[in-house]
Amino acid sequence: MKIVTLCKEGGCCPVVRITDDGVEIGEKDNICALKKDEWEVLKKKILDGEL
């Protein structure tokens, strides 16, 4: 599992958790869970400048 924090300093800070099964993005009770193929689509759209 890989965890990436999306803020510079403490406090409420969303994270991205990447596992073999998928990806979770968010914090505490506000989580978006993506399957591996959904994550790949999102990642491609970001890298291609669509988002």
N, C-alpha and C. Protein backbone atom coordinates (compact mmCIF):
# COMPACT_ATOMS: atom_id res chain seq x y z
N MET A 1 0.84 -1.16 0.00
CA MET A 1 0.00 0.00 0.00
C MET A 1 0.89 1.24 0.00
N LYS A 2 0.47 2.22 -0.78
CA LYS A 2 1.18 3.50 -0.82
C LYS A 2 0.19 4.57 -0.39
N ILE A 3 0.60 5.47 0.50
CA ILE A 3 -0.25 6.56 0.97
C ILE A 3 0.45 7.88 0.68
N VAL A 4 -0.27 8.78 0.00
CA VAL A 4 0.25 10.10 -0.34
C VAL A 4 -0.64 11.14 0.32
N THR A 5 -0.03 12.06 1.07
CA THR A 5 -0.76 13.14 1.73
C THR A 5 -0.86 14.32 0.78
N LEU A 6 -2.05 14.96 0.71
CA LEU A 6 -2.28 16.03 -0.26
C LEU A 6 -2.23 17.44 0.33
N CYS A 7 -1.53 17.61 1.45
CA CYS A 7 -1.36 18.95 2.00
C CYS A 7 0.05 19.08 2.57
N LYS A 8 0.45 20.31 2.80
CA LYS A 8 1.81 20.56 3.27
C LYS A 8 1.95 20.42 4.78
N GLU A 9 0.91 20.81 5.53
CA GLU A 9 1.01 20.80 6.99
C GLU A 9 -0.19 20.09 7.58
N GLY A 10 -0.12 19.72 8.85
CA GLY A 10 -1.16 18.96 9.55
C GLY A 10 -2.57 19.47 9.37
N GLY A 11 -3.45 19.10 10.27
CA GLY A 11 -4.85 19.48 10.17
C GLY A 11 -5.62 18.49 9.32
N CYS A 12 -6.76 18.92 8.83
CA CYS A 12 -7.57 18.06 7.94
C CYS A 12 -6.83 17.94 6.62
N CYS A 13 -6.43 16.75 6.32
CA CYS A 13 -5.58 16.58 5.16
C CYS A 13 -6.00 15.33 4.38
N PRO A 14 -6.53 15.50 3.16
CA PRO A 14 -6.90 14.32 2.38
C PRO A 14 -5.68 13.51 1.98
N VAL A 15 -5.90 12.22 1.82
CA VAL A 15 -4.83 11.33 1.39
C VAL A 15 -5.31 10.48 0.22
N VAL A 16 -4.35 9.94 -0.50
CA VAL A 16 -4.60 8.97 -1.55
C VAL A 16 -3.96 7.66 -1.10
N ARG A 17 -4.78 6.60 -0.95
CA ARG A 17 -4.29 5.28 -0.57
C ARG A 17 -4.38 4.38 -1.79
N ILE A 18 -3.24 3.88 -2.23
CA ILE A 18 -3.18 3.03 -3.42
C ILE A 18 -2.86 1.61 -2.97
N THR A 19 -3.75 0.67 -3.31
CA THR A 19 -3.55 -0.74 -2.98
C THR A 19 -3.60 -1.55 -4.26
N ASP A 20 -3.42 -2.84 -4.15
CA ASP A 20 -3.51 -3.71 -5.32
C ASP A 20 -4.93 -3.76 -5.88
N ASP A 21 -5.93 -3.52 -5.03
CA ASP A 21 -7.33 -3.61 -5.45
C ASP A 21 -7.92 -2.32 -5.97
N GLY A 22 -7.36 -1.18 -5.59
CA GLY A 22 -7.93 0.09 -6.00
C GLY A 22 -7.31 1.25 -5.27
N VAL A 23 -8.05 2.37 -5.27
CA VAL A 23 -7.55 3.61 -4.71
C VAL A 23 -8.65 4.27 -3.89
N GLU A 24 -8.30 4.81 -2.72
CA GLU A 24 -9.21 5.60 -1.91
C GLU A 24 -8.64 7.00 -1.82
N ILE A 25 -9.50 8.00 -2.05
CA ILE A 25 -9.09 9.40 -2.00
C ILE A 25 -10.02 10.11 -1.02
N GLY A 26 -9.45 10.85 -0.07
CA GLY A 26 -10.29 11.63 0.83
C GLY A 26 -9.75 11.68 2.24
N GLU A 27 -10.68 11.95 3.18
CA GLU A 27 -10.33 12.06 4.58
C GLU A 27 -11.51 11.62 5.45
N LYS A 28 -11.23 11.02 6.57
CA LYS A 28 -12.21 10.57 7.56
C LYS A 28 -13.46 9.98 6.90
N ASP A 29 -14.61 10.65 7.04
CA ASP A 29 -15.88 10.12 6.55
C ASP A 29 -16.19 10.56 5.12
N ASN A 30 -15.25 11.16 4.44
CA ASN A 30 -15.46 11.66 3.09
C ASN A 30 -14.46 10.97 2.15
N ILE A 31 -14.79 9.75 1.74
CA ILE A 31 -13.87 8.92 0.95
C ILE A 31 -14.49 8.58 -0.40
N CYS A 32 -13.69 8.68 -1.43
CA CYS A 32 -14.06 8.21 -2.76
C CYS A 32 -13.23 6.96 -3.04
N ALA A 33 -13.89 5.84 -3.27
CA ALA A 33 -13.20 4.58 -3.54
C ALA A 33 -13.31 4.26 -5.03
N LEU A 34 -12.17 4.05 -5.67
CA LEU A 34 -12.12 3.74 -7.09
C LEU A 34 -11.54 2.35 -7.30
N LYS A 35 -12.12 1.63 -8.23
CA LYS A 35 -11.53 0.35 -8.64
C LYS A 35 -10.29 0.67 -9.46
N LYS A 36 -9.42 -0.31 -9.64
CA LYS A 36 -8.15 -0.08 -10.33
C LYS A 36 -8.37 0.52 -11.73
N ASP A 37 -9.35 0.01 -12.49
CA ASP A 37 -9.58 0.52 -13.85
C ASP A 37 -10.14 1.95 -13.81
N GLU A 38 -10.95 2.28 -12.82
CA GLU A 38 -11.46 3.65 -12.69
C GLU A 38 -10.32 4.60 -12.36
N TRP A 39 -9.40 4.17 -11.50
CA TRP A 39 -8.23 4.97 -11.15
C TRP A 39 -7.38 5.25 -12.39
N GLU A 40 -7.20 4.23 -13.23
CA GLU A 40 -6.39 4.41 -14.44
C GLU A 40 -7.02 5.43 -15.38
N VAL A 41 -8.35 5.44 -15.49
CA VAL A 41 -9.04 6.42 -16.33
C VAL A 41 -8.84 7.83 -15.76
N LEU A 42 -9.03 7.99 -14.45
CA LEU A 42 -8.83 9.28 -13.81
C LEU A 42 -7.40 9.77 -13.98
N LYS A 43 -6.45 8.89 -13.75
CA LYS A 43 -5.03 9.26 -13.88
C LYS A 43 -4.72 9.71 -15.30
N LYS A 44 -5.23 9.01 -16.31
CA LYS A 44 -4.98 9.37 -17.70
C LYS A 44 -5.57 10.74 -18.03
N LYS A 45 -6.78 11.00 -17.54
CA LYS A 45 -7.41 12.29 -17.80
C LYS A 45 -6.61 13.44 -17.17
N ILE A 46 -6.07 13.22 -15.98
CA ILE A 46 -5.24 14.23 -15.34
C ILE A 46 -3.95 14.44 -16.12
N LEU A 47 -3.28 13.37 -16.49
CA LEU A 47 -2.01 13.48 -17.22
C LEU A 47 -2.19 14.07 -18.61
N ASP A 48 -3.36 13.82 -19.22
CA ASP A 48 -3.65 14.36 -20.56
C ASP A 48 -4.15 15.80 -20.52
N GLY A 49 -4.30 16.36 -19.31
CA GLY A 49 -4.74 17.74 -19.17
C GLY A 49 -6.24 17.95 -19.27
N GLU A 50 -7.03 16.88 -19.24
CA GLU A 50 -8.48 17.01 -19.32
C GLU A 50 -9.06 17.52 -18.00
N LEU A 51 -8.36 17.28 -16.89
CA LEU A 51 -8.82 17.72 -15.57
C LEU A 51 -7.78 18.60 -14.93
